[in-house]
């Protein structure tokens, strides 16, 4: 599945050579184009505001000095630019980090030894509203949830309200009018609900939420 236009992507990693390599790999794809790069939190925020990408590929360790500052970046991008999808590409594979990235707003998490085909597939998936986890990071999420850390338990009151309206078959514009919020904000909440429930479609979110007594 592809978007109508090339997927505009920004790369955020503190190693310029790695960014250069990623750019070369991604630009080989007909439907992905790298429109910007950054090596730090501040540079990434500025670049995203400047070029308006569809996807930001983020490493968790940046040059700002803070441990895993990529997590802070994901959270800020999710809050300020909810229309932009974030995909973690990192060398760090840890149960806690994967779950923290998801909670911050990441739609996918893959490690740097992933092959080119899978990376492009992940970019496509998050750009079109889906999620992308390689088998190892998906296992981390499932293992952490099994230990009692279920992202679904962190649905906000607003997200539950949106879910209730979704269950009535309402459109984004109808939900926005009912809750006095914009359609883009409705879409942002729906994406968060889908991510937290571990599904890929709004209809599945309603089904899972009803089965689990969330609405």
N, C-alpha and C. Protein backbone atom coordinates (compact mmCIF):
# COMPACT_ATOMS: atom_id res chain seq x y z
N UNK A 1 0.86 -1.20 0.00
CA UNK A 1 0.00 0.00 0.00
C UNK A 1 0.89 1.24 0.00
N UNK A 2 0.61 2.19 -0.86
CA UNK A 2 1.43 3.39 -0.94
C UNK A 2 0.56 4.62 -0.85
N UNK A 3 1.18 5.75 -0.53
CA UNK A 3 0.46 7.00 -0.50
C UNK A 3 0.42 7.56 -1.92
N UNK A 4 -0.49 8.53 -2.22
CA UNK A 4 -0.60 9.06 -3.58
C UNK A 4 0.66 9.78 -4.05
N UNK A 5 1.47 10.23 -3.12
CA UNK A 5 2.72 10.91 -3.46
C UNK A 5 3.87 10.22 -2.75
N UNK A 6 5.10 10.48 -3.18
CA UNK A 6 6.23 9.86 -2.46
C UNK A 6 6.19 10.20 -0.98
N UNK A 7 6.53 9.24 -0.15
CA UNK A 7 6.50 9.43 1.31
C UNK A 7 7.68 10.31 1.70
N UNK A 8 7.37 11.51 2.12
CA UNK A 8 8.40 12.50 2.49
C UNK A 8 8.95 12.13 3.87
N UNK A 9 10.25 11.87 3.92
CA UNK A 9 10.85 11.30 5.12
C UNK A 9 12.02 12.15 5.61
N UNK A 10 12.09 12.31 6.92
CA UNK A 10 13.22 12.98 7.57
C UNK A 10 13.99 11.95 8.40
N UNK A 11 15.31 11.97 8.30
CA UNK A 11 16.16 11.05 9.04
C UNK A 11 16.79 11.77 10.22
N UNK A 12 16.67 11.19 11.41
CA UNK A 12 17.25 11.79 12.62
C UNK A 12 18.19 10.78 13.26
N UNK A 13 19.48 11.06 13.14
CA UNK A 13 20.53 10.20 13.70
C UNK A 13 21.76 11.07 13.89
N UNK A 14 22.51 10.81 14.97
CA UNK A 14 23.67 11.67 15.23
C UNK A 14 24.91 11.28 14.44
N UNK A 15 24.82 10.28 13.58
CA UNK A 15 25.94 9.88 12.73
C UNK A 15 25.64 10.26 11.28
N UNK A 16 26.38 11.22 10.76
CA UNK A 16 26.14 11.72 9.41
C UNK A 16 26.33 10.62 8.36
N UNK A 17 27.32 9.76 8.55
CA UNK A 17 27.56 8.70 7.57
C UNK A 17 26.39 7.72 7.53
N UNK A 18 25.84 7.44 8.69
CA UNK A 18 24.69 6.53 8.72
C UNK A 18 23.49 7.17 8.02
N UNK A 19 23.27 8.46 8.26
CA UNK A 19 22.18 9.15 7.58
C UNK A 19 22.38 9.11 6.07
N UNK A 20 23.62 9.30 5.65
CA UNK A 20 23.92 9.28 4.22
C UNK A 20 23.60 7.91 3.61
N UNK A 21 23.95 6.86 4.34
CA UNK A 21 23.66 5.51 3.87
C UNK A 21 22.17 5.24 3.82
N UNK A 22 21.46 5.68 4.86
CA UNK A 22 20.01 5.49 4.89
C UNK A 22 19.33 6.25 3.75
N UNK A 23 19.80 7.47 3.52
CA UNK A 23 19.23 8.26 2.42
C UNK A 23 19.39 7.53 1.09
N UNK A 24 20.57 7.00 0.86
CA UNK A 24 20.83 6.29 -0.39
C UNK A 24 19.92 5.07 -0.53
N UNK A 25 19.72 4.35 0.58
CA UNK A 25 18.87 3.16 0.54
C UNK A 25 17.40 3.51 0.30
N UNK A 26 16.91 4.50 1.04
CA UNK A 26 15.50 4.85 0.94
C UNK A 26 15.17 5.51 -0.39
N UNK A 27 16.10 6.33 -0.89
CA UNK A 27 15.84 7.03 -2.14
C UNK A 27 15.77 6.09 -3.35
N UNK A 28 16.21 4.85 -3.17
CA UNK A 28 16.08 3.87 -4.25
C UNK A 28 14.64 3.45 -4.46
N UNK A 29 13.83 3.63 -3.46
CA UNK A 29 12.42 3.25 -3.55
C UNK A 29 11.65 4.32 -4.31
N UNK A 30 10.74 3.90 -5.18
CA UNK A 30 9.96 4.83 -5.98
C UNK A 30 9.01 5.68 -5.14
N UNK A 31 8.58 5.15 -4.00
CA UNK A 31 7.56 5.87 -3.23
C UNK A 31 8.06 6.43 -1.90
N UNK A 32 9.38 6.51 -1.72
CA UNK A 32 9.95 7.12 -0.52
C UNK A 32 11.01 8.13 -0.96
N UNK A 33 10.96 9.33 -0.41
CA UNK A 33 11.98 10.32 -0.71
C UNK A 33 12.42 11.01 0.58
N UNK A 34 13.72 11.12 0.79
CA UNK A 34 14.26 11.77 1.99
C UNK A 34 14.32 13.27 1.72
N UNK A 35 13.61 14.04 2.53
CA UNK A 35 13.53 15.49 2.33
C UNK A 35 14.29 16.28 3.39
N UNK A 36 14.88 15.59 4.37
CA UNK A 36 15.62 16.31 5.40
C UNK A 36 16.36 15.38 6.33
N UNK A 37 17.34 15.93 7.03
CA UNK A 37 18.14 15.18 7.99
C UNK A 37 18.39 16.05 9.22
N UNK A 38 18.68 15.40 10.34
CA UNK A 38 19.05 16.12 11.56
C UNK A 38 19.84 15.18 12.46
N UNK A 39 20.69 15.78 13.30
CA UNK A 39 21.51 14.99 14.19
C UNK A 39 21.25 15.24 15.66
N UNK A 40 20.28 16.10 15.97
CA UNK A 40 19.99 16.42 17.36
C UNK A 40 18.51 16.72 17.53
N UNK A 41 18.08 16.82 18.77
CA UNK A 41 16.69 17.11 19.09
C UNK A 41 16.25 18.44 18.48
N UNK A 42 17.01 19.50 18.76
CA UNK A 42 16.63 20.83 18.29
C UNK A 42 16.62 20.90 16.77
N UNK A 43 17.64 20.32 16.15
CA UNK A 43 17.71 20.34 14.69
C UNK A 43 16.55 19.58 14.07
N UNK A 44 16.18 18.48 14.71
CA UNK A 44 15.08 17.67 14.19
C UNK A 44 13.76 18.43 14.28
N UNK A 45 13.49 19.08 15.41
CA UNK A 45 12.26 19.84 15.55
C UNK A 45 12.18 20.94 14.50
N UNK A 46 13.31 21.61 14.26
CA UNK A 46 13.34 22.69 13.27
C UNK A 46 13.12 22.14 11.86
N UNK A 47 13.75 21.00 11.56
CA UNK A 47 13.65 20.42 10.22
C UNK A 47 12.23 19.96 9.92
N UNK A 48 11.60 19.34 10.89
CA UNK A 48 10.23 18.87 10.70
C UNK A 48 9.29 20.05 10.46
N UNK A 49 9.46 21.11 11.24
CA UNK A 49 8.63 22.30 11.06
C UNK A 49 8.86 22.93 9.69
N UNK A 50 10.07 22.82 9.18
CA UNK A 50 10.43 23.44 7.90
C UNK A 50 9.89 22.67 6.70
N UNK A 51 10.09 21.33 6.70
CA UNK A 51 9.79 20.55 5.49
C UNK A 51 8.46 19.80 5.54
N UNK A 52 7.86 19.64 6.73
CA UNK A 52 6.57 18.96 6.82
C UNK A 52 6.56 17.56 6.27
N UNK A 53 7.33 16.64 6.85
CA UNK A 53 7.41 15.27 6.32
C UNK A 53 6.18 14.43 6.68
N UNK A 54 6.09 13.28 6.03
CA UNK A 54 5.07 12.30 6.40
C UNK A 54 5.57 11.39 7.52
N UNK A 55 6.88 11.07 7.46
CA UNK A 55 7.49 10.13 8.41
C UNK A 55 8.82 10.70 8.89
N UNK A 56 9.09 10.51 10.18
CA UNK A 56 10.41 10.82 10.74
C UNK A 56 11.00 9.52 11.27
N UNK A 57 12.16 9.15 10.75
CA UNK A 57 12.88 7.95 11.21
C UNK A 57 13.86 8.41 12.28
N UNK A 58 13.72 7.90 13.50
CA UNK A 58 14.41 8.44 14.67
C UNK A 58 15.30 7.40 15.34
N UNK A 59 16.54 7.78 15.61
CA UNK A 59 17.38 6.98 16.49
C UNK A 59 17.09 7.42 17.92
N UNK A 60 17.26 6.54 18.88
CA UNK A 60 16.95 6.88 20.27
C UNK A 60 18.06 7.64 20.95
N UNK A 61 19.28 7.53 20.45
CA UNK A 61 20.43 8.17 21.10
C UNK A 61 20.90 9.32 20.22
N UNK A 62 20.73 10.55 20.68
CA UNK A 62 21.12 11.72 19.91
C UNK A 62 22.25 12.46 20.62
N UNK A 63 22.75 13.51 19.99
CA UNK A 63 23.95 14.19 20.48
C UNK A 63 23.67 15.26 21.53
N UNK A 64 22.44 15.33 22.02
CA UNK A 64 22.09 16.39 22.96
C UNK A 64 22.63 16.12 24.36
N UNK A 65 23.12 14.92 24.60
CA UNK A 65 23.69 14.61 25.90
C UNK A 65 22.76 13.83 26.81
N UNK A 66 21.46 13.89 26.54
CA UNK A 66 20.51 13.15 27.37
C UNK A 66 20.40 11.70 26.87
N UNK A 67 20.28 10.77 27.81
CA UNK A 67 20.11 9.38 27.42
C UNK A 67 18.79 9.20 26.68
N UNK A 68 18.88 8.53 25.53
CA UNK A 68 17.69 8.21 24.75
C UNK A 68 16.82 9.45 24.50
N UNK A 69 17.47 10.54 24.05
CA UNK A 69 16.73 11.77 23.80
C UNK A 69 15.78 11.62 22.62
N UNK A 70 15.96 10.55 21.84
CA UNK A 70 15.01 10.28 20.78
C UNK A 70 13.61 10.07 21.31
N UNK A 71 13.49 9.54 22.52
CA UNK A 71 12.18 9.35 23.13
C UNK A 71 11.50 10.70 23.36
N UNK A 72 12.27 11.68 23.83
CA UNK A 72 11.71 13.02 24.04
C UNK A 72 11.29 13.63 22.70
N UNK A 73 12.11 13.39 21.68
CA UNK A 73 11.79 13.90 20.36
C UNK A 73 10.47 13.30 19.85
N UNK A 74 10.31 12.00 20.01
CA UNK A 74 9.08 11.35 19.57
C UNK A 74 7.87 11.95 20.28
N UNK A 75 7.99 12.15 21.58
CA UNK A 75 6.89 12.73 22.34
C UNK A 75 6.54 14.14 21.87
N UNK A 76 7.56 14.95 21.61
CA UNK A 76 7.32 16.32 21.16
C UNK A 76 6.73 16.36 19.76
N UNK A 77 7.24 15.49 18.88
CA UNK A 77 6.69 15.45 17.53
C UNK A 77 5.23 14.99 17.55
N UNK A 78 4.93 14.01 18.39
CA UNK A 78 3.56 13.52 18.50
C UNK A 78 2.62 14.62 18.99
N UNK A 79 3.11 15.42 19.93
CA UNK A 79 2.28 16.49 20.49
C UNK A 79 2.12 17.66 19.53
N UNK A 80 3.23 18.05 18.87
CA UNK A 80 3.19 19.25 18.02
C UNK A 80 2.80 18.97 16.58
N UNK A 81 3.12 17.78 16.11
CA UNK A 81 2.84 17.43 14.72
C UNK A 81 2.18 16.05 14.66
N UNK A 82 0.95 15.94 15.14
CA UNK A 82 0.30 14.62 15.21
C UNK A 82 0.09 13.98 13.84
N UNK A 83 0.17 14.77 12.79
CA UNK A 83 0.01 14.22 11.44
C UNK A 83 1.26 13.51 10.94
N UNK A 84 2.38 13.67 11.65
CA UNK A 84 3.66 13.08 11.25
C UNK A 84 3.86 11.75 11.98
N UNK A 85 4.18 10.71 11.25
CA UNK A 85 4.43 9.40 11.85
C UNK A 85 5.90 9.28 12.25
N UNK A 86 6.17 8.67 13.39
CA UNK A 86 7.54 8.44 13.81
C UNK A 86 7.85 6.95 13.83
N UNK A 87 9.02 6.63 13.32
CA UNK A 87 9.50 5.24 13.26
C UNK A 87 10.88 5.18 13.91
N UNK A 88 11.02 4.36 14.93
CA UNK A 88 12.32 4.20 15.60
C UNK A 88 13.19 3.25 14.79
N UNK A 89 14.43 3.69 14.53
CA UNK A 89 15.45 2.84 13.91
C UNK A 89 16.68 2.96 14.77
N UNK A 90 17.01 1.92 15.52
CA UNK A 90 18.04 2.04 16.55
C UNK A 90 18.80 0.73 16.73
N UNK A 91 19.90 0.82 17.43
CA UNK A 91 20.66 -0.39 17.77
C UNK A 91 20.20 -0.97 19.10
N UNK A 92 19.39 -0.21 19.84
CA UNK A 92 18.97 -0.61 21.18
C UNK A 92 17.67 -1.42 21.14
N UNK A 93 17.74 -2.64 21.61
CA UNK A 93 16.54 -3.47 21.70
C UNK A 93 16.37 -3.89 23.15
N UNK A 94 15.45 -3.24 23.81
CA UNK A 94 15.20 -3.47 25.23
C UNK A 94 13.69 -3.37 25.44
N UNK A 95 13.13 -4.29 26.21
CA UNK A 95 11.68 -4.31 26.41
C UNK A 95 11.16 -2.94 26.85
N UNK A 96 11.84 -2.35 27.84
CA UNK A 96 11.38 -1.08 28.39
C UNK A 96 11.45 0.03 27.35
N UNK A 97 12.53 0.05 26.56
CA UNK A 97 12.68 1.10 25.54
C UNK A 97 11.60 0.99 24.47
N UNK A 98 11.31 -0.22 24.05
CA UNK A 98 10.29 -0.40 23.02
C UNK A 98 8.95 0.14 23.51
N UNK A 99 8.57 -0.24 24.72
CA UNK A 99 7.29 0.20 25.26
C UNK A 99 7.28 1.70 25.49
N UNK A 100 8.40 2.26 25.98
CA UNK A 100 8.47 3.71 26.18
C UNK A 100 8.34 4.45 24.86
N UNK A 101 8.93 3.90 23.80
CA UNK A 101 8.81 4.53 22.48
C UNK A 101 7.36 4.52 22.00
N UNK A 102 6.69 3.39 22.19
CA UNK A 102 5.28 3.28 21.80
C UNK A 102 4.44 4.26 22.59
N UNK A 103 4.68 4.35 23.88
CA UNK A 103 3.91 5.27 24.71
C UNK A 103 4.17 6.72 24.33
N UNK A 104 5.38 7.01 23.86
CA UNK A 104 5.72 8.38 23.45
C UNK A 104 5.02 8.74 22.15
N UNK A 105 4.62 7.73 21.38
CA UNK A 105 3.91 8.01 20.13
C UNK A 105 4.46 7.32 18.90
N UNK A 106 5.56 6.57 19.05
CA UNK A 106 6.14 5.89 17.88
C UNK A 106 5.16 4.88 17.30
N UNK A 107 5.09 4.84 15.98
CA UNK A 107 4.21 3.88 15.33
C UNK A 107 4.95 2.62 14.91
N UNK A 108 6.27 2.62 15.07
CA UNK A 108 7.04 1.45 14.72
C UNK A 108 8.39 1.46 15.39
N UNK A 109 9.03 0.28 15.45
CA UNK A 109 10.33 0.14 16.13
C UNK A 109 11.08 -0.98 15.44
N UNK A 110 12.15 -0.64 14.75
CA UNK A 110 12.98 -1.66 14.09
C UNK A 110 14.44 -1.40 14.44
N UNK A 111 15.24 -2.45 14.41
CA UNK A 111 16.66 -2.31 14.73
C UNK A 111 17.47 -2.15 13.45
N UNK A 112 18.68 -1.61 13.60
CA UNK A 112 19.45 -1.16 12.45
C UNK A 112 19.99 -2.28 11.57
N UNK A 113 19.90 -3.51 12.01
CA UNK A 113 20.35 -4.58 11.13
C UNK A 113 19.21 -5.11 10.25
N UNK A 114 18.07 -4.40 10.25
CA UNK A 114 16.96 -4.79 9.39
C UNK A 114 17.38 -4.60 7.93
N UNK A 115 16.86 -5.44 7.04
CA UNK A 115 17.26 -5.29 5.64
C UNK A 115 16.46 -4.17 4.98
N UNK A 116 16.94 -3.73 3.81
CA UNK A 116 16.36 -2.58 3.13
C UNK A 116 14.88 -2.76 2.84
N UNK A 117 14.50 -3.95 2.38
CA UNK A 117 13.10 -4.21 2.04
C UNK A 117 12.21 -4.01 3.24
N UNK A 118 12.63 -4.53 4.40
CA UNK A 118 11.82 -4.41 5.61
C UNK A 118 11.75 -2.96 6.10
N UNK A 119 12.85 -2.22 5.94
CA UNK A 119 12.85 -0.83 6.36
C UNK A 119 11.88 -0.01 5.52
N UNK A 120 11.93 -0.19 4.22
CA UNK A 120 11.00 0.53 3.33
C UNK A 120 9.57 0.14 3.65
N UNK A 121 9.34 -1.14 3.90
CA UNK A 121 8.01 -1.61 4.27
C UNK A 121 7.53 -0.95 5.56
N UNK A 122 8.44 -0.78 6.51
CA UNK A 122 8.08 -0.14 7.77
C UNK A 122 7.71 1.33 7.55
N UNK A 123 8.48 2.02 6.73
CA UNK A 123 8.18 3.42 6.43
C UNK A 123 6.81 3.54 5.77
N UNK A 124 6.54 2.66 4.82
CA UNK A 124 5.24 2.67 4.15
C UNK A 124 4.11 2.42 5.15
N UNK A 125 4.33 1.46 6.04
CA UNK A 125 3.28 1.09 6.99
C UNK A 125 2.90 2.26 7.90
N UNK A 126 3.90 2.91 8.50
CA UNK A 126 3.58 4.00 9.42
C UNK A 126 3.04 5.21 8.68
N UNK A 127 3.47 5.40 7.43
CA UNK A 127 2.99 6.55 6.64
C UNK A 127 1.52 6.43 6.31
N UNK A 128 1.02 5.21 6.23
CA UNK A 128 -0.38 4.99 5.86
C UNK A 128 -1.25 4.65 7.06
N UNK A 129 -0.76 5.00 8.26
CA UNK A 129 -1.58 4.84 9.46
C UNK A 129 -1.43 3.54 10.20
N UNK A 130 -0.55 2.65 9.71
CA UNK A 130 -0.35 1.37 10.36
C UNK A 130 0.80 1.42 11.35
N UNK A 131 1.24 0.24 11.76
CA UNK A 131 2.38 0.14 12.68
C UNK A 131 3.40 -0.80 12.07
N UNK A 132 4.63 -0.73 12.59
CA UNK A 132 5.70 -1.56 12.02
C UNK A 132 6.68 -1.94 13.12
N UNK A 133 6.69 -3.22 13.46
CA UNK A 133 7.61 -3.75 14.45
C UNK A 133 8.27 -4.99 13.88
N UNK A 134 9.61 -5.05 13.97
CA UNK A 134 10.24 -6.29 13.54
C UNK A 134 9.95 -7.35 14.60
N UNK A 135 10.17 -8.63 14.29
CA UNK A 135 9.77 -9.69 15.22
C UNK A 135 10.33 -9.53 16.63
N UNK A 136 11.55 -9.01 16.74
CA UNK A 136 12.16 -8.88 18.07
C UNK A 136 11.49 -7.78 18.90
N UNK A 137 11.23 -6.63 18.28
CA UNK A 137 10.59 -5.55 19.03
C UNK A 137 9.14 -5.88 19.34
N UNK A 138 8.47 -6.58 18.43
CA UNK A 138 7.09 -7.01 18.69
C UNK A 138 7.05 -7.95 19.89
N UNK A 139 8.03 -8.83 19.97
CA UNK A 139 8.12 -9.75 21.10
C UNK A 139 8.32 -8.98 22.40
N UNK A 140 9.11 -7.90 22.34
CA UNK A 140 9.34 -7.08 23.52
C UNK A 140 8.04 -6.46 24.01
N UNK A 141 7.23 -5.95 23.10
CA UNK A 141 5.95 -5.35 23.47
C UNK A 141 5.04 -6.39 24.11
N UNK A 142 4.95 -7.56 23.46
CA UNK A 142 4.08 -8.61 23.99
C UNK A 142 4.55 -9.09 25.36
N UNK A 143 5.87 -9.21 25.52
CA UNK A 143 6.41 -9.68 26.79
C UNK A 143 6.12 -8.68 27.91
N UNK A 144 6.26 -7.40 27.60
CA UNK A 144 6.02 -6.37 28.61
C UNK A 144 4.54 -6.28 28.96
N UNK A 145 3.69 -6.43 27.94
CA UNK A 145 2.25 -6.42 28.20
C UNK A 145 1.86 -7.61 29.07
N UNK A 146 2.49 -8.75 28.80
CA UNK A 146 2.20 -9.94 29.58
C UNK A 146 2.61 -9.77 31.02
N UNK A 147 3.60 -8.91 31.25
CA UNK A 147 4.06 -8.65 32.61
C UNK A 147 3.20 -7.62 33.33
N UNK A 148 2.16 -7.15 32.64
CA UNK A 148 1.23 -6.23 33.29
C UNK A 148 1.31 -4.81 32.81
N UNK A 149 2.16 -4.51 31.83
CA UNK A 149 2.28 -3.15 31.31
C UNK A 149 1.56 -3.07 29.97
N UNK A 150 0.27 -2.91 30.02
CA UNK A 150 -0.56 -2.90 28.82
C UNK A 150 -0.82 -1.47 28.38
N UNK A 151 -0.33 -1.06 27.20
CA UNK A 151 -0.57 0.31 26.72
C UNK A 151 -2.05 0.66 26.65
N UNK A 152 -2.91 -0.35 26.44
CA UNK A 152 -4.34 -0.07 26.36
C UNK A 152 -4.89 0.50 27.66
N UNK A 153 -4.24 0.15 28.77
CA UNK A 153 -4.69 0.66 30.06
C UNK A 153 -4.42 2.15 30.20
N UNK A 154 -3.64 2.71 29.27
CA UNK A 154 -3.29 4.13 29.33
C UNK A 154 -4.12 4.98 28.38
N UNK A 155 -5.24 4.44 27.89
CA UNK A 155 -6.13 5.26 27.08
C UNK A 155 -6.59 6.45 27.90
N UNK A 156 -6.50 7.63 27.33
CA UNK A 156 -6.95 8.83 28.02
C UNK A 156 -8.47 8.91 27.98
N UNK A 157 -9.04 9.79 28.80
CA UNK A 157 -10.49 9.98 28.80
C UNK A 157 -10.97 10.43 27.42
N UNK A 158 -10.20 11.31 26.78
CA UNK A 158 -10.57 11.78 25.45
C UNK A 158 -10.53 10.65 24.43
N UNK A 159 -9.52 9.79 24.52
CA UNK A 159 -9.43 8.66 23.61
C UNK A 159 -10.61 7.70 23.79
N UNK A 160 -11.04 7.52 25.02
CA UNK A 160 -12.20 6.67 25.27
C UNK A 160 -13.48 7.31 24.71
N UNK A 161 -13.56 8.64 24.81
CA UNK A 161 -14.71 9.34 24.22
C UNK A 161 -14.74 9.13 22.72
N UNK A 162 -13.58 9.28 22.09
CA UNK A 162 -13.49 9.08 20.64
C UNK A 162 -13.89 7.65 20.28
N UNK A 163 -13.43 6.70 21.07
CA UNK A 163 -13.79 5.30 20.84
C UNK A 163 -15.30 5.09 20.91
N UNK A 164 -15.94 5.71 21.88
CA UNK A 164 -17.39 5.56 22.01
C UNK A 164 -18.11 6.09 20.77
N UNK A 165 -17.63 7.20 20.26
CA UNK A 165 -18.24 7.76 19.05
C UNK A 165 -17.95 6.87 17.84
N UNK A 166 -16.74 6.32 17.79
CA UNK A 166 -16.41 5.39 16.71
C UNK A 166 -17.34 4.19 16.72
N UNK A 167 -17.65 3.71 17.92
CA UNK A 167 -18.50 2.52 18.03
C UNK A 167 -19.92 2.78 17.51
N UNK A 168 -20.29 4.06 17.40
CA UNK A 168 -21.60 4.43 16.86
C UNK A 168 -21.55 4.63 15.35
N UNK A 169 -20.37 4.39 14.77
CA UNK A 169 -20.24 4.52 13.32
C UNK A 169 -20.10 5.94 12.82
N UNK A 170 -19.72 6.85 13.71
CA UNK A 170 -19.61 8.25 13.32
C UNK A 170 -18.33 8.52 12.53
N UNK A 171 -18.39 9.50 11.65
CA UNK A 171 -17.22 9.91 10.86
C UNK A 171 -16.33 10.83 11.69
N UNK A 172 -15.14 11.11 11.17
CA UNK A 172 -14.23 12.01 11.88
C UNK A 172 -14.86 13.39 12.06
N UNK A 173 -15.54 13.89 11.03
CA UNK A 173 -16.15 15.22 11.14
C UNK A 173 -17.28 15.22 12.18
N UNK A 174 -18.03 14.14 12.25
CA UNK A 174 -19.10 14.05 13.24
C UNK A 174 -18.55 13.99 14.66
N UNK A 175 -17.46 13.24 14.82
CA UNK A 175 -16.82 13.14 16.15
C UNK A 175 -16.27 14.49 16.54
N UNK A 176 -15.60 15.16 15.60
CA UNK A 176 -15.05 16.48 15.89
C UNK A 176 -16.11 17.47 16.32
N UNK A 177 -17.25 17.45 15.61
CA UNK A 177 -18.33 18.37 15.95
C UNK A 177 -18.90 18.06 17.33
N UNK A 178 -19.02 16.78 17.64
CA UNK A 178 -19.60 16.38 18.94
C UNK A 178 -18.68 16.75 20.09
N UNK A 179 -17.35 16.66 19.86
CA UNK A 179 -16.39 16.90 20.94
C UNK A 179 -15.75 18.28 20.87
N UNK A 180 -16.17 19.08 19.87
CA UNK A 180 -15.65 20.44 19.69
C UNK A 180 -14.13 20.46 19.47
N UNK A 181 -13.67 19.53 18.64
CA UNK A 181 -12.26 19.46 18.27
C UNK A 181 -12.16 19.33 16.75
N UNK A 182 -10.98 19.61 16.20
CA UNK A 182 -10.81 19.56 14.75
C UNK A 182 -10.71 18.11 14.26
N UNK A 183 -10.92 17.91 12.95
CA UNK A 183 -10.79 16.58 12.38
C UNK A 183 -9.38 16.04 12.53
N UNK A 184 -8.36 16.92 12.39
CA UNK A 184 -6.98 16.46 12.54
C UNK A 184 -6.72 15.98 13.95
N UNK A 185 -7.34 16.62 14.93
CA UNK A 185 -7.19 16.17 16.33
C UNK A 185 -7.90 14.83 16.52
N UNK A 186 -9.06 14.67 15.88
CA UNK A 186 -9.76 13.39 15.95
C UNK A 186 -8.88 12.28 15.38
N UNK A 187 -8.25 12.55 14.22
CA UNK A 187 -7.38 11.56 13.59
C UNK A 187 -6.20 11.23 14.51
N UNK A 188 -5.67 12.23 15.18
CA UNK A 188 -4.57 12.02 16.12
C UNK A 188 -4.99 11.07 17.23
N UNK A 189 -6.16 11.30 17.80
CA UNK A 189 -6.65 10.43 18.88
C UNK A 189 -6.91 9.01 18.38
N UNK A 190 -7.46 8.90 17.18
CA UNK A 190 -7.74 7.57 16.62
C UNK A 190 -6.44 6.81 16.40
N UNK A 191 -5.41 7.50 15.90
CA UNK A 191 -4.11 6.83 15.71
C UNK A 191 -3.56 6.33 17.04
N UNK A 192 -3.69 7.14 18.08
CA UNK A 192 -3.20 6.72 19.39
C UNK A 192 -3.98 5.50 19.90
N UNK A 193 -5.28 5.52 19.71
CA UNK A 193 -6.12 4.39 20.14
C UNK A 193 -5.70 3.12 19.41
N UNK A 194 -5.54 3.23 18.10
CA UNK A 194 -5.15 2.07 17.29
C UNK A 194 -3.80 1.53 17.75
N UNK A 195 -2.87 2.45 18.01
CA UNK A 195 -1.53 2.03 18.45
C UNK A 195 -1.60 1.34 19.81
N UNK A 196 -2.32 1.93 20.74
CA UNK A 196 -2.38 1.38 22.09
C UNK A 196 -3.11 0.04 22.15
N UNK A 197 -4.06 -0.15 21.26
CA UNK A 197 -4.81 -1.42 21.25
C UNK A 197 -4.13 -2.48 20.40
N UNK A 198 -3.07 -2.08 19.69
CA UNK A 198 -2.31 -3.05 18.92
C UNK A 198 -3.04 -3.56 17.69
N UNK A 199 -3.85 -2.70 17.07
CA UNK A 199 -4.59 -3.08 15.87
C UNK A 199 -4.17 -2.16 14.73
N UNK A 200 -4.74 -2.38 13.55
CA UNK A 200 -4.35 -1.57 12.39
C UNK A 200 -5.50 -0.78 11.79
N UNK A 201 -6.75 -1.05 12.22
CA UNK A 201 -7.91 -0.36 11.66
C UNK A 201 -8.85 0.11 12.76
N UNK A 202 -9.59 1.15 12.47
CA UNK A 202 -10.52 1.71 13.46
C UNK A 202 -11.62 0.73 13.82
N UNK A 203 -12.08 -0.05 12.83
CA UNK A 203 -13.12 -1.04 13.13
C UNK A 203 -12.60 -2.10 14.09
N UNK A 204 -11.32 -2.48 13.92
CA UNK A 204 -10.72 -3.45 14.83
C UNK A 204 -10.58 -2.86 16.23
N UNK A 205 -10.28 -1.55 16.29
CA UNK A 205 -10.14 -0.88 17.58
C UNK A 205 -11.45 -0.94 18.36
N UNK A 206 -12.56 -0.69 17.67
CA UNK A 206 -13.87 -0.74 18.31
C UNK A 206 -14.16 -2.16 18.81
N UNK A 207 -13.85 -3.13 17.97
CA UNK A 207 -14.11 -4.53 18.35
C UNK A 207 -13.30 -4.93 19.58
N UNK A 208 -11.99 -4.63 19.54
CA UNK A 208 -11.12 -5.00 20.66
C UNK A 208 -11.53 -4.26 21.93
N UNK A 209 -11.83 -2.97 21.80
CA UNK A 209 -12.22 -2.18 22.97
C UNK A 209 -13.50 -2.71 23.60
N UNK A 210 -14.45 -3.11 22.76
CA UNK A 210 -15.71 -3.63 23.31
C UNK A 210 -15.49 -4.96 24.00
N UNK A 211 -14.65 -5.80 23.43
CA UNK A 211 -14.36 -7.10 24.03
C UNK A 211 -13.65 -6.97 25.37
N UNK A 212 -12.85 -5.91 25.49
CA UNK A 212 -12.06 -5.73 26.71
C UNK A 212 -12.76 -4.80 27.71
N UNK A 213 -13.98 -4.40 27.40
CA UNK A 213 -14.74 -3.59 28.32
C UNK A 213 -14.23 -2.16 28.45
N UNK A 214 -13.59 -1.66 27.41
CA UNK A 214 -13.02 -0.31 27.46
C UNK A 214 -14.03 0.74 27.06
N UNK A 215 -15.09 0.31 26.41
CA UNK A 215 -16.18 1.24 26.04
C UNK A 215 -17.52 0.61 26.36
